[in-house]
Amino acid sequence: MKLIYLIAINFIGFLFMAVDKKRAVEHKWRISESALFAVGAIGGGLGSWLGMMVFKHKTKKWYFAIGMPVLIIVWVVFCYLCFL
């Protein structure tokens, strides 16, 4: 069940980056940066980071370039401590 959650939330993080990039190109309403970080904070950091790299989105914003990898590290440590 925990693995399914992590797969799903990372897929959502990846999808959020794709949708936000598409909306940015089309000059439409965007997903807020706080929402993008919230998905990362609840376990979707890896998917969000992969979305950043694949879609070249938010890679120049230092707080995303540093923040998402930090969230990934925090989640790896959290999972290690809680589930092993």
Protein backbone atom coordinates (compact mmCIF):
# COMPACT_ATOMS: atom_id res chain seq x y z
CA MET A 1 0.00 0.00 0.00
CA LYS A 2 2.83 2.41 0.84
CA LEU A 3 4.57 1.66 -2.43
CA ILE A 4 1.35 2.30 -4.37
CA TYR A 5 1.02 5.67 -2.62
CA LEU A 6 4.59 6.67 -3.49
CA ILE A 7 4.15 5.64 -7.12
CA ALA A 8 0.87 7.53 -7.39
CA ILE A 9 2.09 10.75 -5.73
CA ASN A 10 5.25 10.77 -7.84
CA PHE A 11 3.16 10.31 -10.98
CA ILE A 12 1.04 13.26 -9.86
CA GLY A 13 4.19 15.35 -9.29
CA PHE A 14 5.42 14.48 -12.79
CA LEU A 15 2.00 15.29 -14.24
CA PHE A 16 1.83 18.63 -12.39
CA MET A 17 5.14 19.69 -13.96
CA ALA A 18 3.93 18.66 -17.42
CA VAL A 19 0.63 20.52 -17.06
CA ASP A 20 2.28 23.63 -15.60
CA LYS A 21 4.85 23.73 -18.41
CA LYS A 22 2.12 23.39 -21.04
CA ARG A 23 0.10 26.17 -19.42
CA ALA A 24 3.20 28.39 -19.20
CA VAL A 25 3.87 27.99 -22.92
CA GLU A 26 0.22 28.76 -23.71
CA HIS A 27 0.16 31.77 -21.29
CA LYS A 28 -2.74 30.25 -19.36
CA TRP A 29 -3.57 29.96 -15.65
CA ARG A 30 -0.73 28.11 -13.89
CA ILE A 31 -0.36 25.70 -11.00
CA SER A 32 1.02 27.63 -8.03
CA GLU A 33 4.58 27.05 -6.92
CA SER A 34 3.31 26.23 -3.44
CA ALA A 35 1.14 23.46 -4.91
CA LEU A 36 4.12 22.08 -6.84
CA PHE A 37 6.19 22.04 -3.64
CA ALA A 38 3.30 20.58 -1.63
CA VAL A 39 3.20 17.55 -3.92
CA GLY A 40 6.95 17.16 -3.42
CA ALA A 41 6.61 17.52 0.32
CA ILE A 42 4.03 14.73 0.61
CA GLY A 43 6.25 12.28 -1.24
CA GLY A 44 6.21 13.33 -4.88
CA GLY A 45 9.66 14.92 -4.98
CA LEU A 46 11.18 12.37 -7.34
CA GLY A 47 8.34 12.62 -9.85
CA SER A 48 8.40 16.41 -9.64
CA TRP A 49 12.16 16.48 -10.15
CA LEU A 50 11.90 14.10 -13.12
CA GLY A 51 9.18 16.33 -14.56
CA MET A 52 11.46 19.34 -14.12
CA MET A 53 14.22 17.59 -16.07
CA VAL A 54 12.04 16.07 -18.80
CA PHE A 55 10.05 19.23 -19.52
CA LYS A 56 12.86 21.71 -18.72
CA HIS A 57 10.52 23.43 -16.29
CA LYS A 58 11.50 25.43 -13.20
CA THR A 59 15.13 24.32 -13.62
CA LYS A 60 16.44 27.89 -13.44
CA LYS A 61 14.61 28.70 -10.23
CA TRP A 62 17.19 28.04 -7.51
CA TYR A 63 14.59 27.12 -4.93
CA PHE A 64 13.27 24.35 -7.21
CA ALA A 65 16.73 23.23 -8.32
CA ILE A 66 17.75 22.82 -4.67
CA GLY A 67 14.36 22.28 -3.02
CA MET A 68 13.17 19.22 -4.93
CA PRO A 69 16.40 17.22 -4.40
CA VAL A 70 16.25 18.15 -0.70
CA LEU A 71 12.67 16.87 -0.51
CA ILE A 72 13.78 13.61 -2.16
CA ILE A 73 16.55 13.17 0.41
CA VAL A 74 14.16 13.94 3.27
CA TRP A 75 11.71 11.31 1.98
CA VAL A 76 14.40 8.68 1.51
CA VAL A 77 15.57 9.22 5.10
CA PHE A 78 11.97 9.25 6.35
CA CYS A 79 11.15 5.99 4.56
CA TYR A 80 14.35 4.39 5.79
CA LEU A 81 13.69 5.32 9.39
CA CYS A 82 9.99 4.46 9.39
CA PHE A 83 9.78 1.38 7.24
CA LEU A 84 12.94 -0.59 7.88
